[in-house]
Amino acid sequence: MAYHILKHIAGMSRMTQAYFNERMEPFGLGAGQQFFMHRIARYPGLSMAELSRMGYYDNCTATRAVKRLAEAGYVRIEPDKKDGRVKRLYATEKAEELLSSIAQMRRDWYEIVTEGLTEEEKAQLGGLLSKVADNACEHLEKNYHPEEGEEG
């Protein structure tokens, strides 16, 4: 069986997290916050629920991450104008340096992990990993419903 693919994907995930943990430390953040910060900046006014769904995170995990970003001054949380129960998320001016650093970290890590690959191999790897991720996403969309507290 080709379970080694999953082993390598899991290993890459752990190594990527270690890489980002080290580089996010000067900002008082960990690897986990970079996903949330990137999405909040990319989609101003995103709700907590939308943010959770984007990354298949439970609401508790997303709330903790956003709280940490807000406490550090990188994210502003505002109640929705029509429904005060909904919280809208915005990157602050302070987040500009962090976002620039995150973009550089991503470029650097990409160069590190694709070292020795041709442009064609990079494209092929990206396409194959995209298909694998799409399969996982499709499965989760059909079978995983964290807002209901159950897995299908």
C-alpha atoms as a PDB file:
ATOM      1  CA  MET A   1       0.000   0.000   0.000  1.00  0.00           C
ATOM      2  CA  ALA A   2       1.060   3.577  -0.602  1.00  0.00           C
ATOM      3  CA  TYR A   3       0.486   4.802   2.953  1.00  0.00           C
ATOM      4  CA  HIS A   4       3.933   6.381   2.781  1.00  0.00           C
ATOM      5  CA  ILE A   5       2.281   9.313   0.996  1.00  0.00           C
ATOM      6  CA  LEU A   6       0.241  10.084   4.107  1.00  0.00           C
ATOM      7  CA  LYS A   7       3.334   9.649   6.288  1.00  0.00           C
ATOM      8  CA  HIS A   8       5.215  12.205   4.167  1.00  0.00           C
ATOM      9  CA  ILE A   9       2.309  14.658   4.128  1.00  0.00           C
ATOM     10  CA  ALA A  10       2.012  14.403   7.929  1.00  0.00           C
ATOM     11  CA  GLY A  11       5.766  14.803   8.311  1.00  0.00           C
ATOM     12  CA  MET A  12       5.808  17.868   6.071  1.00  0.00           C
ATOM     13  CA  SER A  13       2.974  19.342   8.095  1.00  0.00           C
ATOM     14  CA  ARG A  14       4.901  18.885  11.367  1.00  0.00           C
ATOM     15  CA  MET A  15       8.109  20.289   9.864  1.00  0.00           C
ATOM     16  CA  THR A  16       6.238  23.257   8.406  1.00  0.00           C
ATOM     17  CA  GLN A  17       4.688  23.948  11.786  1.00  0.00           C
ATOM     18  CA  ALA A  18       8.125  23.819  13.458  1.00  0.00           C
ATOM     19  CA  TYR A  19       9.545  26.196  10.828  1.00  0.00           C
ATOM     20  CA  PHE A  20       6.736  28.719  11.299  1.00  0.00           C
ATOM     21  CA  ASN A  21       6.733  28.387  15.100  1.00  0.00           C
ATOM     22  CA  GLU A  22      10.359  29.495  15.197  1.00  0.00           C
ATOM     23  CA  ARG A  23       9.823  32.391  12.815  1.00  0.00           C
ATOM     24  CA  MET A  24       6.576  33.624  14.376  1.00  0.00           C
ATOM     25  CA  GLU A  25       8.098  33.766  17.864  1.00  0.00           C
ATOM     26  CA  PRO A  26       9.422  37.355  17.497  1.00  0.00           C
ATOM     27  CA  PHE A  27       5.799  38.419  16.941  1.00  0.00           C
ATOM     28  CA  GLY A  28       4.638  36.592  20.070  1.00  0.00           C
ATOM     29  CA  LEU A  29       2.693  34.125  17.934  1.00  0.00           C
ATOM     30  CA  GLY A  30       2.900  30.509  16.858  1.00  0.00           C
ATOM     31  CA  ALA A  31       2.561  28.709  13.561  1.00  0.00           C
ATOM     32  CA  GLY A  32      -1.179  28.288  14.006  1.00  0.00           C
ATOM     33  CA  GLN A  33      -1.908  31.979  13.937  1.00  0.00           C
ATOM     34  CA  GLN A  34      -0.366  32.525  10.491  1.00  0.00           C
ATOM     35  CA  PHE A  35      -3.257  30.723   8.759  1.00  0.00           C
ATOM     36  CA  PHE A  36      -5.828  32.839  10.586  1.00  0.00           C
ATOM     37  CA  MET A  37      -3.928  36.100  10.098  1.00  0.00           C
ATOM     38  CA  HIS A  38      -3.514  35.461   6.381  1.00  0.00           C
ATOM     39  CA  ARG A  39      -7.232  34.737   5.882  1.00  0.00           C
ATOM     40  CA  ILE A  40      -8.407  37.693   7.958  1.00  0.00           C
ATOM     41  CA  ALA A  41      -6.197  40.051   5.951  1.00  0.00           C
ATOM     42  CA  ARG A  42      -7.251  38.513   2.651  1.00  0.00           C
ATOM     43  CA  TYR A  43     -10.984  38.665   3.463  1.00  0.00           C
ATOM     44  CA  PRO A  44     -11.678  41.837   5.519  1.00  0.00           C
ATOM     45  CA  GLY A  45     -14.914  41.543   7.482  1.00  0.00           C
ATOM     46  CA  LEU A  46     -14.814  37.758   7.549  1.00  0.00           C
ATOM     47  CA  SER A  47     -16.920  36.272  10.341  1.00  0.00           C
ATOM     48  CA  MET A  48     -15.570  33.870  12.953  1.00  0.00           C
ATOM     49  CA  ALA A  49     -17.811  31.120  11.568  1.00  0.00           C
ATOM     50  CA  GLU A  50     -16.585  31.680   8.004  1.00  0.00           C
ATOM     51  CA  LEU A  51     -12.982  31.626   9.198  1.00  0.00           C
ATOM     52  CA  SER A  52     -13.553  28.335  11.033  1.00  0.00           C
ATOM     53  CA  ARG A  53     -15.114  26.709   7.982  1.00  0.00           C
ATOM     54  CA  MET A  54     -12.289  27.852   5.674  1.00  0.00           C
ATOM     55  CA  GLY A  55      -9.733  25.816   7.562  1.00  0.00           C
ATOM     56  CA  TYR A  56     -11.960  23.056   8.929  1.00  0.00           C
ATOM     57  CA  TYR A  57     -11.264  24.294  12.453  1.00  0.00           C
ATOM     58  CA  ASP A  58     -13.740  23.958  15.278  1.00  0.00           C
ATOM     59  CA  ASN A  59     -15.086  27.265  16.577  1.00  0.00           C
ATOM     60  CA  CYS A  60     -13.121  26.958  19.826  1.00  0.00           C
ATOM     61  CA  THR A  61      -9.767  26.689  18.018  1.00  0.00           C
ATOM     62  CA  ALA A  62     -10.550  29.627  15.742  1.00  0.00           C
ATOM     63  CA  THR A  63     -11.757  31.728  18.671  1.00  0.00           C
ATOM     64  CA  ARG A  64      -8.554  31.088  20.650  1.00  0.00           C
ATOM     65  CA  ALA A  65      -6.367  31.942  17.647  1.00  0.00           C
ATOM     66  CA  VAL A  66      -8.271  35.143  16.874  1.00  0.00           C
ATOM     67  CA  LYS A  67      -8.254  36.160  20.546  1.00  0.00           C
ATOM     68  CA  ARG A  68      -4.471  35.797  20.603  1.00  0.00           C
ATOM     69  CA  LEU A  69      -4.134  37.874  17.428  1.00  0.00           C
ATOM     70  CA  ALA A  70      -6.460  40.539  18.819  1.00  0.00           C
ATOM     71  CA  GLU A  71      -4.617  40.689  22.148  1.00  0.00           C
ATOM     72  CA  ALA A  72      -1.357  41.188  20.242  1.00  0.00           C
ATOM     73  CA  GLY A  73      -2.972  44.056  18.304  1.00  0.00           C
ATOM     74  CA  TYR A  74      -2.977  42.373  14.882  1.00  0.00           C
ATOM     75  CA  VAL A  75      -6.746  41.883  14.544  1.00  0.00           C
ATOM     76  CA  ARG A  76      -9.752  44.070  15.303  1.00  0.00           C
ATOM     77  CA  ILE A  77     -13.046  42.355  16.189  1.00  0.00           C
ATOM     78  CA  GLU A  78     -16.268  44.249  15.498  1.00  0.00           C
ATOM     79  CA  PRO A  79     -19.906  43.229  15.890  1.00  0.00           C
ATOM     80  CA  ASP A  80     -21.819  42.864  12.641  1.00  0.00           C
ATOM     81  CA  LYS A  81     -23.984  45.914  11.938  1.00  0.00           C
ATOM     82  CA  LYS A  82     -27.086  43.796  11.239  1.00  0.00           C
ATOM     83  CA  ASP A  83     -26.557  40.982  13.745  1.00  0.00           C
ATOM     84  CA  GLY A  84     -24.514  41.887  16.818  1.00  0.00           C
ATOM     85  CA  ARG A  85     -23.988  38.212  17.656  1.00  0.00           C
ATOM     86  CA  VAL A  86     -21.805  37.874  14.538  1.00  0.00           C
ATOM     87  CA  LYS A  87     -18.217  39.064  14.962  1.00  0.00           C
ATOM     88  CA  ARG A  88     -16.418  40.572  11.956  1.00  0.00           C
ATOM     89  CA  LEU A  89     -12.629  40.398  11.730  1.00  0.00           C
ATOM     90  CA  TYR A  90     -10.205  42.955  10.312  1.00  0.00           C
ATOM     91  CA  ALA A  91      -6.421  43.166  10.145  1.00  0.00           C
ATOM     92  CA  THR A  92      -4.997  46.241  11.881  1.00  0.00           C
ATOM     93  CA  GLU A  93      -2.228  48.551  10.683  1.00  0.00           C
ATOM     94  CA  LYS A  94       0.095  46.766  13.105  1.00  0.00           C
ATOM     95  CA  ALA A  95      -0.508  43.563  11.129  1.00  0.00           C
ATOM     96  CA  GLU A  96       1.214  44.974   8.009  1.00  0.00           C
ATOM     97  CA  GLU A  97       4.711  44.009   9.170  1.00  0.00           C
ATOM     98  CA  LEU A  98       3.495  40.602  10.327  1.00  0.00           C
ATOM     99  CA  LEU A  99       1.776  39.933   7.002  1.00  0.00           C
ATOM    100  CA  SER A 100       4.878  40.965   5.086  1.00  0.00           C
ATOM    101  CA  SER A 101       6.966  38.627   7.236  1.00  0.00           C
ATOM    102  CA  ILE A 102       4.496  35.763   6.785  1.00  0.00           C
ATOM    103  CA  ALA A 103       4.653  36.202   3.002  1.00  0.00           C
ATOM    104  CA  GLN A 104       8.455  36.113   3.133  1.00  0.00           C
ATOM    105  CA  MET A 105       8.408  33.066   5.424  1.00  0.00           C
ATOM    106  CA  ARG A 106       6.165  31.252   2.958  1.00  0.00           C
ATOM    107  CA  ARG A 107       8.422  32.122   0.013  1.00  0.00           C
ATOM    108  CA  ASP A 108      11.510  31.024   1.930  1.00  0.00           C
ATOM    109  CA  TRP A 109       9.937  27.738   3.061  1.00  0.00           C
ATOM    110  CA  TYR A 110       8.747  27.015  -0.472  1.00  0.00           C
ATOM    111  CA  GLU A 111      12.302  27.492  -1.774  1.00  0.00           C
ATOM    112  CA  ILE A 112      13.683  25.251   0.970  1.00  0.00           C
ATOM    113  CA  VAL A 113      11.250  22.368   0.431  1.00  0.00           C
ATOM    114  CA  THR A 114      11.391  22.473  -3.370  1.00  0.00           C
ATOM    115  CA  GLU A 115      15.172  22.732  -3.590  1.00  0.00           C
ATOM    116  CA  GLY A 116      16.511  20.463  -6.312  1.00  0.00           C
ATOM    117  CA  LEU A 117      13.180  20.211  -8.141  1.00  0.00           C
ATOM    118  CA  THR A 118      12.806  21.475 -11.678  1.00  0.00           C
ATOM    119  CA  GLU A 119      10.027  23.946 -12.462  1.00  0.00           C
ATOM    120  CA  GLU A 120       8.178  21.092 -14.159  1.00  0.00           C
ATOM    121  CA  GLU A 121       8.505  18.890 -11.064  1.00  0.00           C
ATOM    122  CA  LYS A 122       7.298  21.753  -8.844  1.00  0.00           C
ATOM    123  CA  ALA A 123       4.252  22.208 -11.074  1.00  0.00           C
ATOM    124  CA  GLN A 124       3.559  18.477 -11.120  1.00  0.00           C
ATOM    125  CA  LEU A 125       3.928  18.190  -7.342  1.00  0.00           C
ATOM    126  CA  GLY A 126       1.643  21.188  -6.840  1.00  0.00           C
ATOM    127  CA  GLY A 127      -0.986  19.718  -9.142  1.00  0.00           C
ATOM    128  CA  LEU A 128      -0.919  16.312  -7.452  1.00  0.00           C
ATOM    129  CA  LEU A 129      -1.063  17.757  -3.942  1.00  0.00           C
ATOM    130  CA  SER A 130      -3.911  19.997  -5.047  1.00  0.00           C
ATOM    131  CA  LYS A 131      -5.873  16.938  -6.205  1.00  0.00           C
ATOM    132  CA  VAL A 132      -5.201  15.160  -2.902  1.00  0.00           C
ATOM    133  CA  ALA A 133      -6.297  18.258  -0.950  1.00  0.00           C
ATOM    134  CA  ASP A 134      -9.431  18.598  -3.105  1.00  0.00           C
ATOM    135  CA  ASN A 135     -10.326  14.966  -2.372  1.00  0.00           C
ATOM    136  CA  ALA A 136      -9.906  15.546   1.358  1.00  0.00           C
ATOM    137  CA  CYS A 137     -11.915  18.776   1.178  1.00  0.00           C
ATOM    138  CA  GLU A 138     -14.731  17.136  -0.760  1.00  0.00           C
ATOM    139  CA  HIS A 139     -14.889  14.281   1.740  1.00  0.00           C
ATOM    140  CA  LEU A 140     -14.979  16.634   4.720  1.00  0.00           C
ATOM    141  CA  GLU A 141     -17.646  18.835   3.159  1.00  0.00           C
ATOM    142  CA  LYS A 142     -19.853  15.778   2.747  1.00  0.00           C
ATOM    143  CA  ASN A 143     -19.040  14.020   6.011  1.00  0.00           C
ATOM    144  CA  TYR A 144     -17.743  16.420   8.667  1.00  0.00           C
ATOM    145  CA  HIS A 145     -19.984  18.934  10.389  1.00  0.00           C
ATOM    146  CA  PRO A 146     -18.226  20.439  13.435  1.00  0.00           C
ATOM    147  CA  GLU A 147     -20.999  22.967  14.017  1.00  0.00           C
ATOM    148  CA  GLU A 148     -23.293  20.016  14.701  1.00  0.00           C
ATOM    149  CA  GLY A 149     -20.722  18.400  16.961  1.00  0.00           C
ATOM    150  CA  GLU A 150     -20.587  15.224  14.929  1.00  0.00           C
ATOM    151  CA  GLU A 151     -18.725  13.463  12.193  1.00  0.00           C
ATOM    152  CA  GLY A 152     -20.673  11.727   9.445  1.00  0.00           C
END
